[in-house]
Amino acid sequence: MDTLGHPDWSCKEGWTLVALPDTDGHPVALGAFGPSTRPGWANLNMLGVHPDARGQGYGTRLHAHMLARAAERFTMHGGGTEQGNDGMRRIYEKNGSRQDAVQMYFR
């Protein structure tokens, strides 16, 4: 969790934490999904791949698995990433997601 930048993350009620192991059985990718504030919607969150395992398809496979698992309980899903996170944007595109909106934050 430290490597993904979420050292204090705890699994909220109704959320599922998913780990994807490498060929040696060590977890190299993590993600979580659970209920959104919108009825029937799932949020996919915190998808990350250990830096040493990036570029090997783990993120794409984990995201696809999380989409399938979320579809078992929810009718829709949502997720987001920063504009400059090209790796996550490619994962979304590979798994058939499309950009619906842009959210901007001001300080």
PDB file of N, CA and C in Angstrom:
ATOM      1  N   MET A   1       0.828  -1.186   0.000  1.00  0.00           N
ATOM      2  CA  MET A   1       0.000   0.000   0.000  1.00  0.00           C
ATOM      3  C   MET A   1       0.875   1.254   0.000  1.00  0.00           C
ATOM      4  N   ASP A   2       2.025   1.185   0.651  1.00  0.00           N
ATOM      5  CA  ASP A   2       2.929   2.331   0.647  1.00  0.00           C
ATOM      6  C   ASP A   2       3.383   2.659  -0.773  1.00  0.00           C
ATOM      7  N   THR A   3       3.736   1.625  -1.541  1.00  0.00           N
ATOM      8  CA  THR A   3       4.227   1.816  -2.902  1.00  0.00           C
ATOM      9  C   THR A   3       3.180   2.482  -3.785  1.00  0.00           C
ATOM     10  N   LEU A   4       1.900   2.218  -3.527  1.00  0.00           N
ATOM     11  CA  LEU A   4       0.827   2.815  -4.320  1.00  0.00           C
ATOM     12  C   LEU A   4       0.444   4.203  -3.821  1.00  0.00           C
ATOM     13  N   GLY A   5       1.067   4.648  -2.734  1.00  0.00           N
ATOM     14  CA  GLY A   5       0.760   5.968  -2.210  1.00  0.00           C
ATOM     15  C   GLY A   5      -0.457   6.013  -1.306  1.00  0.00           C
ATOM     16  N   HIS A   6      -0.876   4.859  -0.786  1.00  0.00           N
ATOM     17  CA  HIS A   6      -2.048   4.783   0.096  1.00  0.00           C
ATOM     18  C   HIS A   6      -1.697   4.018   1.378  1.00  0.00           C
ATOM     19  N   PRO A   7      -0.723   4.501   2.156  1.00  0.00           N
ATOM     20  CA  PRO A   7      -0.289   3.718   3.327  1.00  0.00           C
ATOM     21  C   PRO A   7      -1.363   3.546   4.401  1.00  0.00           C
ATOM     22  N   ASP A   8      -2.317   4.461   4.463  1.00  0.00           N
ATOM     23  CA  ASP A   8      -3.344   4.401   5.516  1.00  0.00           C
ATOM     24  C   ASP A   8      -4.693   3.906   5.005  1.00  0.00           C
ATOM     25  N   TRP A   9      -4.742   3.358   3.785  1.00  0.00           N
ATOM     26  CA  TRP A   9      -6.011   2.942   3.193  1.00  0.00           C
ATOM     27  C   TRP A   9      -6.608   1.787   3.975  1.00  0.00           C
ATOM     28  N   SER A  10      -7.912   1.863   4.191  1.00  0.00           N
ATOM     29  CA  SER A  10      -8.621   0.741   4.798  1.00  0.00           C
ATOM     30  C   SER A  10      -9.848   0.446   3.943  1.00  0.00           C
ATOM     31  N   CYS A  11     -10.199  -0.794   3.877  1.00  0.00           N
ATOM     32  CA  CYS A  11     -11.310  -1.241   3.038  1.00  0.00           C
ATOM     33  C   CYS A  11     -12.631  -0.825   3.686  1.00  0.00           C
ATOM     34  N   LYS A  12     -13.400  -0.004   2.978  1.00  0.00           N
ATOM     35  CA  LYS A  12     -14.696   0.455   3.483  1.00  0.00           C
ATOM     36  C   LYS A  12     -15.732  -0.657   3.329  1.00  0.00           C
ATOM     37  N   GLU A  13     -16.813  -0.522   4.056  1.00  0.00           N
ATOM     38  CA  GLU A  13     -17.890  -1.507   3.979  1.00  0.00           C
ATOM     39  C   GLU A  13     -18.407  -1.620   2.543  1.00  0.00           C
ATOM     40  N   GLY A  14     -18.530  -2.842   2.060  1.00  0.00           N
ATOM     41  CA  GLY A  14     -19.020  -3.087   0.710  1.00  0.00           C
ATOM     42  C   GLY A  14     -17.958  -3.036  -0.360  1.00  0.00           C
ATOM     43  N   TRP A  15     -16.729  -2.707   0.014  1.00  0.00           N
ATOM     44  CA  TRP A  15     -15.645  -2.615  -0.949  1.00  0.00           C
ATOM     45  C   TRP A  15     -14.855  -3.931  -0.984  1.00  0.00           C
ATOM     46  N   THR A  16     -14.261  -4.208  -2.132  1.00  0.00           N
ATOM     47  CA  THR A  16     -13.450  -5.407  -2.316  1.00  0.00           C
ATOM     48  C   THR A  16     -12.064  -4.996  -2.784  1.00  0.00           C
ATOM     49  N   LEU A  17     -11.048  -5.479  -2.101  1.00  0.00           N
ATOM     50  CA  LEU A  17      -9.661  -5.255  -2.492  1.00  0.00           C
ATOM     51  C   LEU A  17      -9.214  -6.459  -3.311  1.00  0.00           C
ATOM     52  N   VAL A  18      -8.636  -6.213  -4.483  1.00  0.00           N
ATOM     53  CA  VAL A  18      -8.230  -7.275  -5.388  1.00  0.00           C
ATOM     54  C   VAL A  18      -6.727  -7.177  -5.616  1.00  0.00           C
ATOM     55  N   ALA A  19      -6.029  -8.299  -5.489  1.00  0.00           N
ATOM     56  CA  ALA A  19      -4.594  -8.353  -5.746  1.00  0.00           C
ATOM     57  C   ALA A  19      -4.331  -9.304  -6.906  1.00  0.00           C
ATOM     58  N   LEU A  20      -3.413  -8.932  -7.767  1.00  0.00           N
ATOM     59  CA  LEU A  20      -3.019  -9.785  -8.884  1.00  0.00           C
ATOM     60  C   LEU A  20      -1.572 -10.200  -8.666  1.00  0.00           C
ATOM     61  N   PRO A  21      -1.301 -11.505  -8.609  1.00  0.00           N
ATOM     62  CA  PRO A  21       0.067 -11.960  -8.362  1.00  0.00           C
ATOM     63  C   PRO A  21       0.870 -12.094  -9.656  1.00  0.00           C
ATOM     64  N   ASP A  22       2.191 -12.045  -9.504  1.00  0.00           N
ATOM     65  CA  ASP A  22       3.065 -12.348 -10.637  1.00  0.00           C
ATOM     66  C   ASP A  22       3.215 -13.867 -10.744  1.00  0.00           C
ATOM     67  N   THR A  23       4.067 -14.329 -11.616  1.00  0.00           N
ATOM     68  CA  THR A  23       4.216 -15.777 -11.837  1.00  0.00           C
ATOM     69  C   THR A  23       4.775 -16.507 -10.616  1.00  0.00           C
ATOM     70  N   ASP A  24       5.414 -15.759  -9.692  1.00  0.00           N
ATOM     71  CA  ASP A  24       5.926 -16.365  -8.462  1.00  0.00           C
ATOM     72  C   ASP A  24       4.934 -16.301  -7.308  1.00  0.00           C
ATOM     73  N   GLY A  25       3.755 -15.719  -7.572  1.00  0.00           N
ATOM     74  CA  GLY A  25       2.729 -15.632  -6.543  1.00  0.00           C
ATOM     75  C   GLY A  25       2.800 -14.398  -5.677  1.00  0.00           C
ATOM     76  N   HIS A  26       3.713 -13.466  -5.982  1.00  0.00           N
ATOM     77  CA  HIS A  26       3.818 -12.238  -5.199  1.00  0.00           C
ATOM     78  C   HIS A  26       2.866 -11.184  -5.772  1.00  0.00           C
ATOM     79  N   PRO A  27       2.113 -10.484  -4.917  1.00  0.00           N
ATOM     80  CA  PRO A  27       1.188  -9.463  -5.433  1.00  0.00           C
ATOM     81  C   PRO A  27       1.958  -8.320  -6.084  1.00  0.00           C
ATOM     82  N   VAL A  28       1.595  -8.008  -7.327  1.00  0.00           N
ATOM     83  CA  VAL A  28       2.257  -6.920  -8.052  1.00  0.00           C
ATOM     84  C   VAL A  28       1.273  -5.838  -8.481  1.00  0.00           C
ATOM     85  N   ALA A  29      -0.020  -6.100  -8.355  1.00  0.00           N
ATOM     86  CA  ALA A  29      -1.027  -5.109  -8.719  1.00  0.00           C
ATOM     87  C   ALA A  29      -2.175  -5.185  -7.729  1.00  0.00           C
ATOM     88  N   LEU A  30      -2.688  -4.025  -7.360  1.00  0.00           N
ATOM     89  CA  LEU A  30      -3.798  -3.944  -6.420  1.00  0.00           C
ATOM     90  C   LEU A  30      -4.842  -2.970  -6.943  1.00  0.00           C
ATOM     91  N   GLY A  31      -6.071  -3.236  -6.606  1.00  0.00           N
ATOM     92  CA  GLY A  31      -7.157  -2.325  -6.930  1.00  0.00           C
ATOM     93  C   GLY A  31      -8.310  -2.586  -5.997  1.00  0.00           C
ATOM     94  N   ALA A  32      -9.250  -1.678  -5.974  1.00  0.00           N
ATOM     95  CA  ALA A  32     -10.423  -1.835  -5.115  1.00  0.00           C
ATOM     96  C   ALA A  32     -11.652  -1.353  -5.867  1.00  0.00           C
ATOM     97  N   PHE A  33     -12.787  -1.965  -5.546  1.00  0.00           N
ATOM     98  CA  PHE A  33     -14.051  -1.494  -6.099  1.00  0.00           C
ATOM     99  C   PHE A  33     -15.127  -1.624  -5.038  1.00  0.00           C
ATOM    100  N   GLY A  34     -16.126  -0.773  -5.171  1.00  0.00           N
ATOM    101  CA  GLY A  34     -17.214  -0.804  -4.209  1.00  0.00           C
ATOM    102  C   GLY A  34     -18.298   0.176  -4.598  1.00  0.00           C
ATOM    103  N   PRO A  35     -19.296   0.309  -3.743  1.00  0.00           N
ATOM    104  CA  PRO A  35     -20.445   1.142  -4.083  1.00  0.00           C
ATOM    105  C   PRO A  35     -20.091   2.620  -4.174  1.00  0.00           C
ATOM    106  N   SER A  36     -20.716   3.265  -5.131  1.00  0.00           N
ATOM    107  CA  SER A  36     -20.624   4.706  -5.302  1.00  0.00           C
ATOM    108  C   SER A  36     -21.737   5.361  -4.488  1.00  0.00           C
ATOM    109  N   THR A  37     -21.747   6.671  -4.477  1.00  0.00           N
ATOM    110  CA  THR A  37     -22.863   7.372  -3.850  1.00  0.00           C
ATOM    111  C   THR A  37     -24.084   7.365  -4.758  1.00  0.00           C
ATOM    112  N   ARG A  38     -23.901   6.999  -6.029  1.00  0.00           N
ATOM    113  CA  ARG A  38     -25.024   6.894  -6.968  1.00  0.00           C
ATOM    114  C   ARG A  38     -25.568   5.468  -6.920  1.00  0.00           C
ATOM    115  N   PRO A  39     -26.851   5.287  -6.717  1.00  0.00           N
ATOM    116  CA  PRO A  39     -27.428   3.939  -6.633  1.00  0.00           C
ATOM    117  C   PRO A  39     -27.128   3.114  -7.889  1.00  0.00           C
ATOM    118  N   GLY A  40     -26.694   1.883  -7.672  1.00  0.00           N
ATOM    119  CA  GLY A  40     -26.409   0.962  -8.767  1.00  0.00           C
ATOM    120  C   GLY A  40     -25.055   1.137  -9.415  1.00  0.00           C
ATOM    121  N   TRP A  41     -24.293   2.119  -8.976  1.00  0.00           N
ATOM    122  CA  TRP A  41     -22.980   2.396  -9.559  1.00  0.00           C
ATOM    123  C   TRP A  41     -21.869   1.877  -8.666  1.00  0.00           C
ATOM    124  N   ALA A  42     -20.799   1.379  -9.312  1.00  0.00           N
ATOM    125  CA  ALA A  42     -19.574   1.002  -8.606  1.00  0.00           C
ATOM    126  C   ALA A  42     -18.494   2.025  -8.912  1.00  0.00           C
ATOM    127  N   ASN A  43     -17.645   2.253  -7.955  1.00  0.00           N
ATOM    128  CA  ASN A  43     -16.420   3.004  -8.188  1.00  0.00           C
ATOM    129  C   ASN A  43     -15.266   2.021  -8.241  1.00  0.00           C
ATOM    130  N   LEU A  44     -14.402   2.174  -9.209  1.00  0.00           N
ATOM    131  CA  LEU A  44     -13.146   1.441  -9.262  1.00  0.00           C
ATOM    132  C   LEU A  44     -12.074   2.421  -8.835  1.00  0.00           C
ATOM    133  N   ASN A  45     -11.242   1.988  -7.907  1.00  0.00           N
ATOM    134  CA  ASN A  45     -10.333   2.932  -7.290  1.00  0.00           C
ATOM    135  C   ASN A  45      -8.990   2.285  -7.011  1.00  0.00           C
ATOM    136  N   MET A  46      -7.991   3.115  -6.917  1.00  0.00           N
ATOM    137  CA  MET A  46      -6.681   2.757  -6.405  1.00  0.00           C
ATOM    138  C   MET A  46      -5.979   1.677  -7.202  1.00  0.00           C
ATOM    139  N   LEU A  47      -6.281   1.540  -8.477  1.00  0.00           N
ATOM    140  CA  LEU A  47      -5.608   0.536  -9.276  1.00  0.00           C
ATOM    141  C   LEU A  47      -4.154   0.944  -9.449  1.00  0.00           C
ATOM    142  N   GLY A  48      -3.252   0.071  -9.061  1.00  0.00           N
ATOM    143  CA  GLY A  48      -1.832   0.375  -9.173  1.00  0.00           C
ATOM    144  C   GLY A  48      -1.011  -0.879  -9.367  1.00  0.00           C
ATOM    145  N   VAL A  49       0.102  -0.707 -10.061  1.00  0.00           N
ATOM    146  CA  VAL A  49       1.030  -1.800 -10.328  1.00  0.00           C
ATOM    147  C   VAL A  49       2.385  -1.414  -9.743  1.00  0.00           C
ATOM    148  N   HIS A  50       3.022  -2.368  -9.087  1.00  0.00           N
ATOM    149  CA  HIS A  50       4.348  -2.119  -8.526  1.00  0.00           C
ATOM    150  C   HIS A  50       5.270  -1.631  -9.645  1.00  0.00           C
ATOM    151  N   PRO A  51       6.088  -0.619  -9.372  1.00  0.00           N
ATOM    152  CA  PRO A  51       6.950  -0.063 -10.425  1.00  0.00           C
ATOM    153  C   PRO A  51       7.792  -1.097 -11.168  1.00  0.00           C
ATOM    154  N   ASP A  52       8.269  -2.130 -10.487  1.00  0.00           N
ATOM    155  CA  ASP A  52       9.092  -3.154 -11.139  1.00  0.00           C
ATOM    156  C   ASP A  52       8.303  -4.038 -12.100  1.00  0.00           C
ATOM    157  N   ALA A  53       6.967  -4.016 -12.017  1.00  0.00           N
ATOM    158  CA  ALA A  53       6.130  -4.899 -12.844  1.00  0.00           C
ATOM    159  C   ALA A  53       5.343  -4.139 -13.915  1.00  0.00           C
ATOM    160  N   ARG A  54       5.553  -2.853 -14.029  1.00  0.00           N
ATOM    161  CA  ARG A  54       4.799  -2.064 -15.008  1.00  0.00           C
ATOM    162  C   ARG A  54       5.203  -2.420 -16.430  1.00  0.00           C
ATOM    163  N   GLY A  55       4.249  -2.233 -17.347  1.00  0.00           N
ATOM    164  CA  GLY A  55       4.513  -2.493 -18.755  1.00  0.00           C
ATOM    165  C   GLY A  55       4.401  -3.953 -19.150  1.00  0.00           C
ATOM    166  N   GLN A  56       3.867  -4.794 -18.257  1.00  0.00           N
ATOM    167  CA  GLN A  56       3.758  -6.227 -18.533  1.00  0.00           C
ATOM    168  C   GLN A  56       2.305  -6.698 -18.623  1.00  0.00           C
ATOM    169  N   GLY A  57       1.368  -5.776 -18.628  1.00  0.00           N
ATOM    170  CA  GLY A  57      -0.041  -6.133 -18.779  1.00  0.00           C
ATOM    171  C   GLY A  57      -0.787  -6.398 -17.494  1.00  0.00           C
ATOM    172  N   TYR A  58      -0.131  -6.283 -16.350  1.00  0.00           N
ATOM    173  CA  TYR A  58      -0.812  -6.558 -15.085  1.00  0.00           C
ATOM    174  C   TYR A  58      -1.958  -5.581 -14.830  1.00  0.00           C
ATOM    175  N   GLY A  59      -1.737  -4.307 -15.101  1.00  0.00           N
ATOM    176  CA  GLY A  59      -2.774  -3.308 -14.872  1.00  0.00           C
ATOM    177  C   GLY A  59      -3.998  -3.544 -15.735  1.00  0.00           C
ATOM    178  N   THR A  60      -3.785  -3.877 -16.995  1.00  0.00           N
ATOM    179  CA  THR A  60      -4.899  -4.143 -17.911  1.00  0.00           C
ATOM    180  C   THR A  60      -5.690  -5.357 -17.455  1.00  0.00           C
ATOM    181  N   ARG A  61      -4.991  -6.415 -17.060  1.00  0.00           N
ATOM    182  CA  ARG A  61      -5.678  -7.623 -16.601  1.00  0.00           C
ATOM    183  C   ARG A  61      -6.422  -7.386 -15.297  1.00  0.00           C
ATOM    184  N   LEU A  62      -5.810  -6.651 -14.379  1.00  0.00           N
ATOM    185  CA  LEU A  62      -6.479  -6.372 -13.104  1.00  0.00           C
ATOM    186  C   LEU A  62      -7.719  -5.520 -13.336  1.00  0.00           C
ATOM    187  N   HIS A  63      -7.617  -4.500 -14.166  1.00  0.00           N
ATOM    188  CA  HIS A  63      -8.763  -3.638 -14.449  1.00  0.00           C
ATOM    189  C   HIS A  63      -9.901  -4.443 -15.071  1.00  0.00           C
ATOM    190  N   ALA A  64      -9.593  -5.313 -16.029  1.00  0.00           N
ATOM    191  CA  ALA A  64     -10.621  -6.150 -16.662  1.00  0.00           C
ATOM    192  C   ALA A  64     -11.291  -7.050 -15.625  1.00  0.00           C
ATOM    193  N   HIS A  65     -10.501  -7.615 -14.734  1.00  0.00           N
ATOM    194  CA  HIS A  65     -11.053  -8.474 -13.680  1.00  0.00           C
ATOM    195  C   HIS A  65     -11.965  -7.667 -12.755  1.00  0.00           C
ATOM    196  N   MET A  66     -11.535  -6.476 -12.378  1.00  0.00           N
ATOM    197  CA  MET A  66     -12.347  -5.642 -11.499  1.00  0.00           C
ATOM    198  C   MET A  66     -13.645  -5.219 -12.181  1.00  0.00           C
ATOM    199  N   LEU A  67     -13.604  -4.937 -13.474  1.00  0.00           N
ATOM    200  CA  LEU A  67     -14.826  -4.601 -14.206  1.00  0.00           C
ATOM    201  C   LEU A  67     -15.811  -5.766 -14.172  1.00  0.00           C
ATOM    202  N   ALA A  68     -15.294  -6.969 -14.409  1.00  0.00           N
ATOM    203  CA  ALA A  68     -16.159  -8.156 -14.401  1.00  0.00           C
ATOM    204  C   ALA A  68     -16.755  -8.402 -13.018  1.00  0.00           C
ATOM    205  N   ARG A  69     -15.934  -8.264 -11.991  1.00  0.00           N
ATOM    206  CA  ARG A  69     -16.431  -8.474 -10.621  1.00  0.00           C
ATOM    207  C   ARG A  69     -17.447  -7.405 -10.233  1.00  0.00           C
ATOM    208  N   ALA A  70     -17.191  -6.165 -10.590  1.00  0.00           N
ATOM    209  CA  ALA A  70     -18.124  -5.083 -10.266  1.00  0.00           C
ATOM    210  C   ALA A  70     -19.458  -5.294 -10.984  1.00  0.00           C
ATOM    211  N   ALA A  71     -19.411  -5.823 -12.197  1.00  0.00           N
ATOM    212  CA  ALA A  71     -20.640  -6.057 -12.973  1.00  0.00           C
ATOM    213  C   ALA A  71     -21.533  -7.110 -12.321  1.00  0.00           C
ATOM    214  N   GLU A  72     -20.982  -7.940 -11.459  1.00  0.00           N
ATOM    215  CA  GLU A  72     -21.783  -8.934 -10.744  1.00  0.00           C
ATOM    216  C   GLU A  72     -22.716  -8.279  -9.730  1.00  0.00           C
ATOM    217  N   ARG A  73     -22.363  -7.102  -9.231  1.00  0.00           N
ATOM    218  CA  ARG A  73     -23.137  -6.440  -8.174  1.00  0.00           C
ATOM    219  C   ARG A  73     -23.721  -5.093  -8.569  1.00  0.00           C
ATOM    220  N   PHE A  74     -23.201  -4.486  -9.627  1.00  0.00           N
ATOM    221  CA  PHE A  74     -23.604  -3.128  -9.985  1.00  0.00           C
ATOM    222  C   PHE A  74     -23.974  -3.061 -11.462  1.00  0.00           C
ATOM    223  N   THR A  75     -24.836  -2.096 -11.814  1.00  0.00           N
ATOM    224  CA  THR A  75     -25.249  -1.960 -13.216  1.00  0.00           C
ATOM    225  C   THR A  75     -24.339  -1.022 -14.000  1.00  0.00           C
ATOM    226  N   MET A  76     -23.663  -0.118 -13.324  1.00  0.00           N
ATOM    227  CA  MET A  76     -22.768   0.841 -13.981  1.00  0.00           C
ATOM    228  C   MET A  76     -21.500   0.957 -13.148  1.00  0.00           C
ATOM    229  N   HIS A  77     -20.452   1.517 -13.750  1.00  0.00           N
ATOM    230  CA  HIS A  77     -19.221   1.750 -13.002  1.00  0.00           C
ATOM    231  C   HIS A  77     -18.615   3.076 -13.434  1.00  0.00           C
ATOM    232  N   GLY A  78     -17.783   3.589 -12.574  1.00  0.00           N
ATOM    233  CA  GLY A  78     -17.076   4.819 -12.875  1.00  0.00           C
ATOM    234  C   GLY A  78     -15.674   4.748 -12.318  1.00  0.00           C
ATOM    235  N   GLY A  79     -14.814   5.465 -12.934  1.00  0.00           N
ATOM    236  CA  GLY A  79     -13.435   5.551 -12.470  1.00  0.00           C
ATOM    237  C   GLY A  79     -12.824   6.795 -13.062  1.00  0.00           C
ATOM    238  N   GLY A  80     -11.705   7.191 -12.535  1.00  0.00           N
ATOM    239  CA  GLY A  80     -11.064   8.379 -13.051  1.00  0.00           C
ATOM    240  C   GLY A  80      -9.574   8.332 -12.816  1.00  0.00           C
ATOM    241  N   THR A  81      -8.884   9.207 -13.507  1.00  0.00           N
ATOM    242  CA  THR A  81      -7.447   9.325 -13.328  1.00  0.00           C
ATOM    243  C   THR A  81      -7.023  10.737 -13.678  1.00  0.00           C
ATOM    244  N   GLU A  82      -5.842  11.088 -13.279  1.00  0.00           N
ATOM    245  CA  GLU A  82      -5.317  12.407 -13.591  1.00  0.00           C
ATOM    246  C   GLU A  82      -5.027  12.503 -15.094  1.00  0.00           C
ATOM    247  N   GLN A  83      -5.069  13.711 -15.600  1.00  0.00           N
ATOM    248  CA  GLN A  83      -4.862  13.930 -17.027  1.00  0.00           C
ATOM    249  C   GLN A  83      -3.516  13.377 -17.502  1.00  0.00           C
ATOM    250  N   GLY A  84      -2.493  13.492 -16.705  1.00  0.00           N
ATOM    251  CA  GLY A  84      -1.169  13.054 -17.114  1.00  0.00           C
ATOM    252  C   GLY A  84      -0.863  11.590 -16.872  1.00  0.00           C
ATOM    253  N   ASN A  85      -1.819  10.815 -16.363  1.00  0.00           N
ATOM    254  CA  ASN A  85      -1.581   9.396 -16.081  1.00  0.00           C
ATOM    255  C   ASN A  85      -1.860   8.592 -17.353  1.00  0.00           C
ATOM    256  N   ASP A  86      -0.909   8.662 -18.272  1.00  0.00           N
ATOM    257  CA  ASP A  86      -1.086   8.017 -19.573  1.00  0.00           C
ATOM    258  C   ASP A  86      -1.233   6.506 -19.473  1.00  0.00           C
ATOM    259  N   GLY A  87      -0.533   5.884 -18.527  1.00  0.00           N
ATOM    260  CA  GLY A  87      -0.644   4.434 -18.361  1.00  0.00           C
ATOM    261  C   GLY A  87      -2.057   4.004 -18.012  1.00  0.00           C
ATOM    262  N   MET A  88      -2.681   4.707 -17.079  1.00  0.00           N
ATOM    263  CA  MET A  88      -4.051   4.347 -16.684  1.00  0.00           C
ATOM    264  C   MET A  88      -5.024   4.670 -17.804  1.00  0.00           C
ATOM    265  N   ARG A  89      -4.800   5.747 -18.512  1.00  0.00           N
ATOM    266  CA  ARG A  89      -5.678   6.088 -19.631  1.00  0.00           C
ATOM    267  C   ARG A  89      -5.622   4.995 -20.709  1.00  0.00           C
ATOM    268  N   ARG A  90      -4.425   4.442 -20.961  1.00  0.00           N
ATOM    269  CA  ARG A  90      -4.299   3.344 -21.932  1.00  0.00           C
ATOM    270  C   ARG A  90      -5.033   2.100 -21.446  1.00  0.00           C
ATOM    271  N   ILE A  91      -4.955   1.812 -20.145  1.00  0.00           N
ATOM    272  CA  ILE A  91      -5.664   0.657 -19.581  1.00  0.00           C
ATOM    273  C   ILE A  91      -7.164   0.827 -19.789  1.00  0.00           C
ATOM    274  N   TYR A  92      -7.691   2.008 -19.486  1.00  0.00           N
ATOM    275  CA  TYR A  92      -9.114   2.258 -19.709  1.00  0.00           C
ATOM    276  C   TYR A  92      -9.483   1.990 -21.166  1.00  0.00           C
ATOM    277  N   GLU A  93      -8.698   2.525 -22.093  1.00  0.00           N
ATOM    278  CA  GLU A  93      -9.001   2.358 -23.514  1.00  0.00           C
ATOM    279  C   GLU A  93      -8.928   0.891 -23.943  1.00  0.00           C
ATOM    280  N   LYS A  94      -7.920   0.166 -23.484  1.00  0.00           N
ATOM    281  CA  LYS A  94      -7.776  -1.246 -23.851  1.00  0.00           C
ATOM    282  C   LYS A  94      -8.978  -2.071 -23.393  1.00  0.00           C
ATOM    283  N   ASN A  95      -9.577  -1.673 -22.274  1.00  0.00           N
ATOM    284  CA  ASN A  95     -10.714  -2.428 -21.745  1.00  0.00           C
ATOM    285  C   ASN A  95     -12.054  -1.828 -22.143  1.00  0.00           C
ATOM    286  N   GLY A  96     -12.059  -0.964 -23.148  1.00  0.00           N
ATOM    287  CA  GLY A  96     -13.303  -0.483 -23.717  1.00  0.00           C
ATOM    288  C   GLY A  96     -13.957   0.695 -23.016  1.00  0.00           C
ATOM    289  N   SER A  97     -13.280   1.282 -22.038  1.00  0.00           N
ATOM    290  CA  SER A  97     -13.849   2.453 -21.376  1.00  0.00           C
ATOM    291  C   SER A  97     -13.703   3.666 -22.288  1.00  0.00           C
ATOM    292  N   ARG A  98     -14.569   4.644 -22.061  1.00  0.00           N
ATOM    293  CA  ARG A  98     -14.475   5.874 -22.835  1.00  0.00           C
ATOM    294  C   ARG A  98     -14.583   7.058 -21.887  1.00  0.00           C
ATOM    295  N   GLN A  99     -13.975   8.142 -22.289  1.00  0.00           N
ATOM    296  CA  GLN A  99     -14.017   9.349 -21.475  1.00  0.00           C
ATOM    297  C   GLN A  99     -15.372  10.014 -21.627  1.00  0.00           C
ATOM    298  N   ASP A 100     -16.045  10.216 -20.505  1.00  0.00           N
ATOM    299  CA  ASP A 100     -17.358  10.865 -20.508  1.00  0.00           C
ATOM    300  C   ASP A 100     -17.282  12.316 -20.064  1.00  0.00           C
ATOM    301  N   ALA A 101     -16.328  12.623 -19.206  1.00  0.00           N
ATOM    302  CA  ALA A 101     -16.284  13.963 -18.638  1.00  0.00           C
ATOM    303  C   ALA A 101     -14.855  14.313 -18.231  1.00  0.00           C
ATOM    304  N   VAL A 102     -14.622  15.595 -18.088  1.00  0.00           N
ATOM    305  CA  VAL A 102     -13.368  16.103 -17.556  1.00  0.00           C
ATOM    306  C   VAL A 102     -13.729  16.893 -16.307  1.00  0.00           C
ATOM    307  N   GLN A 103     -13.041  16.616 -15.231  1.00  0.00           N
ATOM    308  CA  GLN A 103     -13.293  17.326 -13.985  1.00  0.00           C
ATOM    309  C   GLN A 103     -12.070  18.186 -13.686  1.00  0.00           C
ATOM    310  N   MET A 104     -12.306  19.435 -13.372  1.00  0.00           N
ATOM    311  CA  MET A 104     -11.194  20.350 -13.095  1.00  0.00           C
ATOM    312  C   MET A 104     -11.288  20.818 -11.649  1.00  0.00           C
ATOM    313  N   TYR A 105     -10.130  20.977 -11.037  1.00  0.00           N
ATOM    314  CA  TYR A 105     -10.045  21.458  -9.664  1.00  0.00           C
ATOM    315  C   TYR A 105      -9.292  22.790  -9.667  1.00  0.00           C
ATOM    316  N   PHE A 106      -9.764  23.719  -8.885  1.00  0.00           N
ATOM    317  CA  PHE A 106      -9.140  25.034  -8.790  1.00  0.00           C
ATOM    318  C   PHE A 106      -8.733  25.313  -7.365  1.00  0.00           C
ATOM    319  N   ARG A 107      -7.617  26.003  -7.222  1.00  0.00           N
ATOM    320  CA  ARG A 107      -7.139  26.392  -5.889  1.00  0.00           C
ATOM    321  C   ARG A 107      -7.131  27.885  -5.796  1.00  0.00           C
TER     322      ARG A 107
END
